[in-house]
Amino acid sequence: MSQLAQLAKAGVSLLTLNLTVFAVGALDTYAQSSPATTFSDVQPNYWAQPFIQGLAAKNIVTGYPDGTFRPEQPVDRDEFAAIIRKAFDQAPIRQIQSGAVYKDIPANYWATRPIEEAYQQGFMSGYPGGYFRPNQPVSKVEAIVALNKGLNLTTNTSAVTVPTAIQRVVPQNTTRKAVKRRIFMPLGFTTLMQPLLIPKAQAVPTVEQASRPASFLITNTYADANKIPQYAVGDVATATQKNLVVNYPNPKVLNPNKPATRGEITALIYQTLVAQGKIEPIAINLPANQYIVRTTSTARRK
């Protein structure tokens, strides 16, 4: 009888120990998974602080082990793919061919899965020859185009369907002929949208099309509109119309081809989520609000 009592006592002790270990483990897991929302190098008066804090709270962006965020550090293609993966849950529109891998992405690379998903969802593409260039910085215009393509933001947006700001006047005493337009751009510009650059052949603009909305909107919004690559005009116009673009320190200067910083990418992703109704807009009385680019029509609605 005493032997039975000892066994029962031992069983209770073991159960208690297991419950204690489970509770401690659960607390430890919660502590590790709780995202940090404040960083030592992002002060309350930093221009992108509300955007960074908002996405950090949702664990879409994270800091470094030393407690910093490094908001002025350029974002590479692999990191951009990882942020996209956390921010958006898009259905795949294309599949990676069986056995196909990028030559510069090892099987155990930390961003292999995010890169694959960014491709399958239509956000990003590789370079000719089977390369992805994961450590190449993403320019601001490339990031805008990637989001526009991956999220199909131009759907039902007739005001921004024109992909060029260049107009031609055809003399009346000549016969109009179909002309194939040549587009010249550095190889780096094909980084994010190579298979999607020109989905359909574009006709030469006519005189009556000279004031088409996309080019008009871009020209009247950005002081450096002439620096925006032709292929990206429609995408930038869409993003501008939807208040996705955030420019610091001057809202009128896009700096389209400059490598985008972590702060800039965070602001862009945040505003995209706002446009989708997935996150609350930042408070209108915050200084950061003045850097959100707004067209004349959208400004009137605020």
Protein backbone atom coordinates (compact mmCIF):
# COMPACT_ATOMS: atom_id res chain seq x y z
CA MET A 1 0.00 0.00 0.00
CA SER A 2 2.84 2.38 0.89
CA GLN A 3 4.51 1.50 -2.43
CA LEU A 4 1.34 2.53 -4.30
CA ALA A 5 1.21 5.81 -2.40
CA GLN A 6 4.83 6.57 -3.29
CA LEU A 7 4.12 5.95 -6.98
CA ALA A 8 1.09 8.26 -6.87
CA LYS A 9 3.14 10.98 -5.15
CA ALA A 10 5.88 10.66 -7.78
CA GLY A 11 3.29 10.97 -10.55
CA VAL A 12 1.89 14.19 -9.09
CA SER A 13 5.39 15.65 -8.77
CA LEU A 14 6.22 14.80 -12.36
CA LEU A 15 2.97 16.39 -13.59
CA THR A 16 3.71 19.55 -11.60
CA LEU A 17 7.20 19.72 -13.05
CA ASN A 18 5.88 19.33 -16.59
CA LEU A 19 3.30 22.09 -16.11
CA THR A 20 5.97 24.41 -14.70
CA VAL A 21 8.32 23.77 -17.61
CA PHE A 22 5.49 24.33 -20.09
CA ALA A 23 4.52 27.63 -18.47
CA VAL A 24 8.11 28.91 -18.43
CA GLY A 25 8.57 27.83 -22.04
CA ALA A 26 5.41 29.62 -23.11
CA LEU A 27 6.50 32.84 -21.40
CA ASP A 28 9.93 32.59 -22.99
CA THR A 29 8.43 32.05 -26.44
CA TYR A 30 6.12 35.02 -26.02
CA ALA A 31 9.00 37.21 -24.89
CA GLN A 32 11.03 36.25 -27.94
CA SER A 33 8.18 36.73 -30.42
CA SER A 34 6.97 40.08 -29.06
CA PRO A 35 8.16 42.64 -31.63
CA ALA A 36 10.15 45.67 -30.51
CA THR A 37 8.47 48.93 -31.51
CA THR A 38 11.12 51.39 -30.34
CA PHE A 39 14.70 51.61 -31.51
CA SER A 40 17.68 53.51 -30.14
CA ASP A 41 18.38 55.25 -33.46
CA VAL A 42 14.77 56.18 -34.26
CA GLN A 43 13.91 59.17 -32.13
CA PRO A 44 10.32 60.47 -31.78
CA ASN A 45 11.18 63.41 -34.06
CA TYR A 46 12.61 61.22 -36.84
CA TRP A 47 10.54 61.78 -39.98
CA ALA A 48 9.63 58.09 -40.50
CA GLN A 49 9.14 57.19 -36.84
CA PRO A 50 5.33 56.66 -37.01
CA PHE A 51 5.68 54.38 -40.05
CA ILE A 52 8.50 52.37 -38.48
CA GLN A 53 6.71 52.03 -35.16
CA GLY A 54 3.47 50.99 -36.86
CA LEU A 55 5.02 48.22 -38.97
CA ALA A 56 7.30 47.07 -36.16
CA ALA A 57 4.24 46.59 -33.96
CA LYS A 58 2.90 44.17 -36.60
CA ASN A 59 6.30 42.47 -36.94
CA ILE A 60 6.48 43.42 -40.62
CA VAL A 61 9.81 45.16 -40.08
CA THR A 62 12.27 44.37 -37.33
CA GLY A 63 15.38 45.88 -35.85
CA TYR A 64 18.85 44.52 -35.26
CA PRO A 65 20.15 42.61 -32.21
CA ASP A 66 21.84 45.76 -30.90
CA GLY A 67 18.48 47.52 -30.61
CA THR A 68 18.89 49.71 -33.70
CA PHE A 69 16.74 49.97 -36.80
CA ARG A 70 19.26 51.68 -39.11
CA PRO A 71 16.62 53.69 -40.99
CA GLU A 72 19.13 55.32 -43.37
CA GLN A 73 20.57 51.99 -44.54
CA PRO A 74 19.70 51.01 -48.14
CA VAL A 75 17.37 48.03 -48.61
CA ASP A 76 18.71 45.16 -50.70
CA ARG A 77 16.56 42.98 -52.93
CA ASP A 78 16.54 40.03 -50.52
CA GLU A 79 15.42 42.21 -47.61
CA PHE A 80 12.73 43.84 -49.75
CA ALA A 81 11.40 40.39 -50.67
CA ALA A 82 11.30 39.46 -46.97
CA ILE A 83 9.36 42.62 -46.07
CA ILE A 84 6.88 42.01 -48.90
CA ARG A 85 6.33 38.47 -47.65
CA LYS A 86 5.40 39.71 -44.18
CA ALA A 87 3.28 42.63 -45.34
CA PHE A 88 1.14 41.07 -48.08
CA ASP A 89 -0.60 37.75 -48.59
CA GLN A 90 -1.11 37.56 -52.34
CA ALA A 91 -2.17 34.53 -54.31
CA PRO A 92 0.51 33.22 -56.73
CA ILE A 93 0.09 34.27 -60.36
CA ARG A 94 2.98 32.20 -61.72
CA GLN A 95 5.04 29.22 -60.64
CA ILE A 96 8.76 28.59 -60.50
CA GLN A 97 9.67 25.84 -62.94
CA SER A 98 10.56 22.51 -61.37
CA GLY A 99 14.21 22.48 -60.38
CA ALA A 100 14.71 26.13 -61.35
CA VAL A 101 16.76 28.13 -58.86
CA TYR A 102 18.66 31.38 -59.09
CA LYS A 103 22.36 30.77 -59.55
CA ASP A 104 23.28 33.27 -56.85
CA ILE A 105 20.78 32.01 -54.25
CA PRO A 106 22.10 28.98 -52.31
CA ALA A 107 19.57 26.37 -51.18
CA ASN A 108 20.10 27.35 -47.53
CA TYR A 109 20.06 31.11 -48.11
CA TRP A 110 18.07 32.94 -45.43
CA ALA A 111 15.76 34.67 -47.94
CA THR A 112 15.21 31.77 -50.36
CA ARG A 113 11.51 31.37 -49.55
CA PRO A 114 10.67 35.12 -49.56
CA ILE A 115 12.45 35.52 -52.91
CA GLU A 116 10.53 32.59 -54.42
CA GLU A 117 7.21 33.96 -53.17
CA ALA A 118 7.99 37.49 -54.37
CA TYR A 119 8.51 36.02 -57.83
CA GLN A 120 5.44 33.78 -57.79
CA GLN A 121 3.19 36.62 -56.59
CA GLY A 122 4.40 38.93 -59.35
CA PHE A 123 6.27 41.44 -57.21
CA MET A 124 9.83 40.70 -58.32
CA SER A 125 11.77 38.94 -61.07
CA GLY A 126 15.34 37.90 -61.70
CA TYR A 127 17.94 39.05 -64.20
CA PRO A 128 18.74 37.32 -67.48
CA GLY A 129 20.96 34.30 -67.05
CA GLY A 130 19.24 33.04 -63.92
CA TYR A 131 20.49 35.62 -61.42
CA PHE A 132 18.56 37.42 -58.70
CA ARG A 133 21.28 39.70 -57.26
CA PRO A 134 19.98 39.54 -53.68
CA ASN A 135 22.47 42.07 -52.33
CA GLN A 136 21.72 44.76 -54.90
CA PRO A 137 19.96 47.83 -53.45
CA VAL A 138 16.37 48.51 -54.50
CA SER A 139 15.69 51.96 -55.92
CA LYS A 140 12.59 53.86 -54.89
CA VAL A 141 11.00 53.60 -58.33
CA GLU A 142 11.70 49.85 -58.46
CA ALA A 143 9.96 49.41 -55.12
CA ILE A 144 6.94 51.41 -56.31
CA VAL A 145 6.66 49.42 -59.54
CA ALA A 146 7.03 46.12 -57.66
CA LEU A 147 4.15 46.95 -55.31
CA ASN A 148 2.01 48.20 -58.17
CA LYS A 149 2.54 45.00 -60.17
CA GLY A 150 2.28 42.57 -57.27
CA LEU A 151 -0.89 44.14 -55.88
CA ASN A 152 -2.39 45.01 -59.28
CA LEU A 153 -3.10 48.54 -58.11
CA THR A 154 -3.99 49.84 -61.58
CA THR A 155 -7.14 47.69 -61.76
CA ASN A 156 -10.13 49.93 -62.44
CA THR A 157 -7.91 53.00 -62.32
CA SER A 158 -8.39 54.48 -65.77
CA ALA A 159 -6.73 57.75 -64.84
CA VAL A 160 -3.29 56.17 -64.71
CA THR A 161 -3.16 53.61 -67.46
CA VAL A 162 -0.67 55.44 -69.67
CA PRO A 163 2.94 54.23 -69.27
CA THR A 164 4.72 57.18 -70.89
CA ALA A 165 5.03 60.93 -70.63
CA ILE A 166 6.50 61.42 -74.11
CA GLN A 167 4.13 62.80 -76.72
CA ARG A 168 4.57 63.07 -80.52
CA VAL A 169 2.83 65.35 -82.99
CA VAL A 170 2.14 63.81 -86.39
CA PRO A 171 2.05 66.39 -89.22
CA GLN A 172 -1.33 66.54 -90.96
CA ASN A 173 0.14 66.29 -94.46
CA THR A 174 1.76 62.94 -93.84
CA THR A 175 0.36 59.45 -93.67
CA ARG A 176 0.22 57.96 -90.20
CA LYS A 177 2.07 54.73 -89.87
CA ALA A 178 2.26 52.30 -87.00
CA VAL A 179 5.57 52.82 -85.25
CA LYS A 180 7.18 50.49 -82.80
CA ARG A 181 8.56 52.46 -79.92
CA ARG A 182 12.01 51.72 -78.65
CA ILE A 183 12.61 51.89 -74.94
CA PHE A 184 16.15 52.39 -73.75
CA MET A 185 16.98 51.83 -70.11
CA PRO A 186 19.88 50.59 -67.99
CA LEU A 187 19.87 46.88 -67.26
CA GLY A 188 19.33 47.57 -63.56
CA PHE A 189 15.91 49.03 -64.26
CA THR A 190 14.66 45.61 -65.32
CA THR A 191 15.33 44.24 -61.85
CA LEU A 192 11.79 44.02 -60.56
CA MET A 193 9.61 43.93 -63.59
CA GLN A 194 11.45 42.27 -66.45
CA PRO A 195 8.57 39.99 -67.58
CA LEU A 196 6.08 42.81 -67.08
CA LEU A 197 7.77 45.80 -68.71
CA ILE A 198 5.64 46.07 -71.85
CA PRO A 199 2.68 43.65 -71.68
CA LYS A 200 1.26 45.01 -74.94
CA ALA A 201 2.71 46.99 -77.82
CA GLN A 202 2.05 50.68 -77.28
CA ALA A 203 0.77 52.86 -80.11
CA VAL A 204 2.39 56.22 -80.82
CA PRO A 205 0.54 58.94 -78.86
CA THR A 206 -1.52 61.31 -80.99
CA VAL A 207 -2.09 65.04 -80.64
CA GLU A 208 -5.45 64.63 -78.91
CA GLN A 209 -3.78 62.42 -76.28
CA ALA A 210 -1.25 65.10 -75.33
CA SER A 211 -2.77 65.75 -71.88
CA ARG A 212 -3.23 62.19 -70.71
CA PRO A 213 -3.62 61.88 -66.92
CA ALA A 214 -0.54 59.83 -65.97
CA SER A 215 2.06 62.13 -67.49
CA PHE A 216 0.11 65.22 -66.48
CA LEU A 217 -0.12 64.04 -62.88
CA ILE A 218 3.58 63.16 -62.70
CA THR A 219 4.76 66.42 -64.29
CA ASN A 220 2.62 68.51 -61.97
CA THR A 221 3.55 66.60 -58.82
CA TYR A 222 7.30 66.01 -58.96
CA ALA A 223 10.06 68.53 -59.63
CA ASP A 224 12.26 65.66 -60.84
CA ALA A 225 9.60 64.01 -63.02
CA ASN A 226 12.06 63.84 -65.92
CA LYS A 227 14.17 61.37 -63.92
CA ILE A 228 11.37 58.81 -63.68
CA PRO A 229 12.00 55.99 -66.20
CA GLN A 230 9.42 55.78 -68.97
CA TYR A 231 8.29 52.29 -68.02
CA ALA A 232 7.47 53.44 -64.49
CA VAL A 233 5.41 56.58 -65.20
CA GLY A 234 2.05 54.82 -65.01
CA ASP A 235 3.00 52.93 -61.84
CA VAL A 236 4.30 56.06 -60.10
CA ALA A 237 1.15 57.93 -61.12
CA THR A 238 -1.01 55.17 -59.61
CA ALA A 239 1.01 55.14 -56.38
CA THR A 240 0.84 58.94 -56.18
CA GLN A 241 -2.90 59.01 -56.74
CA LYS A 242 -3.37 56.46 -53.95
CA ASN A 243 -1.11 58.41 -51.54
CA LEU A 244 1.45 55.63 -51.30
CA VAL A 245 4.49 57.81 -51.93
CA VAL A 246 6.27 59.48 -49.03
CA ASN A 247 9.11 61.90 -49.83
CA TYR A 248 11.43 63.37 -47.23
CA PRO A 249 12.49 66.12 -46.88
CA ASN A 250 10.67 67.56 -49.92
CA PRO A 251 7.41 65.90 -51.02
CA LYS A 252 7.95 67.31 -54.52
CA VAL A 253 11.24 65.45 -55.01
CA LEU A 254 10.92 61.70 -55.62
CA ASN A 255 14.59 60.76 -56.17
CA PRO A 256 13.30 57.76 -58.16
CA ASN A 257 16.63 56.11 -58.97
CA LYS A 258 18.29 56.54 -55.61
CA PRO A 259 18.61 53.40 -53.43
CA ALA A 260 15.66 53.35 -51.05
CA THR A 261 16.45 53.38 -47.34
CA ARG A 262 14.81 51.24 -44.66
CA GLY A 263 12.90 54.29 -43.50
CA GLU A 264 11.62 55.04 -47.02
CA ILE A 265 10.60 51.44 -47.73
CA THR A 266 8.81 51.26 -44.39
CA ALA A 267 6.85 54.43 -45.17
CA LEU A 268 5.95 53.11 -48.65
CA ILE A 269 4.76 49.75 -47.31
CA TYR A 270 2.82 51.45 -44.51
CA GLN A 271 0.96 53.73 -46.92
CA THR A 272 0.21 50.79 -49.20
CA LEU A 273 -1.41 48.97 -46.28
CA VAL A 274 -3.39 52.12 -45.49
CA ALA A 275 -4.68 52.19 -49.07
CA GLN A 276 -5.77 48.57 -48.67
CA GLY A 277 -7.58 49.34 -45.43
CA LYS A 278 -5.33 46.99 -43.46
CA ILE A 279 -3.80 49.58 -41.13
CA GLU A 280 -4.87 52.92 -39.70
CA PRO A 281 -3.48 56.10 -41.29
CA ILE A 282 -0.97 57.98 -39.18
CA ALA A 283 -2.44 60.86 -37.20
CA ILE A 284 -2.94 63.96 -39.31
CA ASN A 285 -1.25 66.15 -36.69
CA LEU A 286 2.04 64.21 -36.86
CA PRO A 287 4.91 65.93 -38.70
CA ALA A 288 5.37 62.81 -40.87
CA ASN A 289 1.98 63.44 -42.46
CA GLN A 290 3.32 66.41 -44.43
CA TYR A 291 5.69 64.15 -46.39
CA ILE A 292 2.90 61.98 -47.83
CA VAL A 293 2.57 63.04 -51.46
CA ARG A 294 -0.92 64.16 -52.41
CA THR A 295 -2.25 65.35 -55.72
CA THR A 296 -4.52 68.37 -55.92
CA SER A 297 -7.65 66.20 -56.01
CA THR A 298 -6.63 63.95 -53.11
CA ALA A 299 -5.53 66.95 -51.04
CA ARG A 300 -9.01 68.45 -51.37
CA ARG A 301 -10.54 65.27 -49.98
CA LYS A 302 -8.42 65.39 -46.81
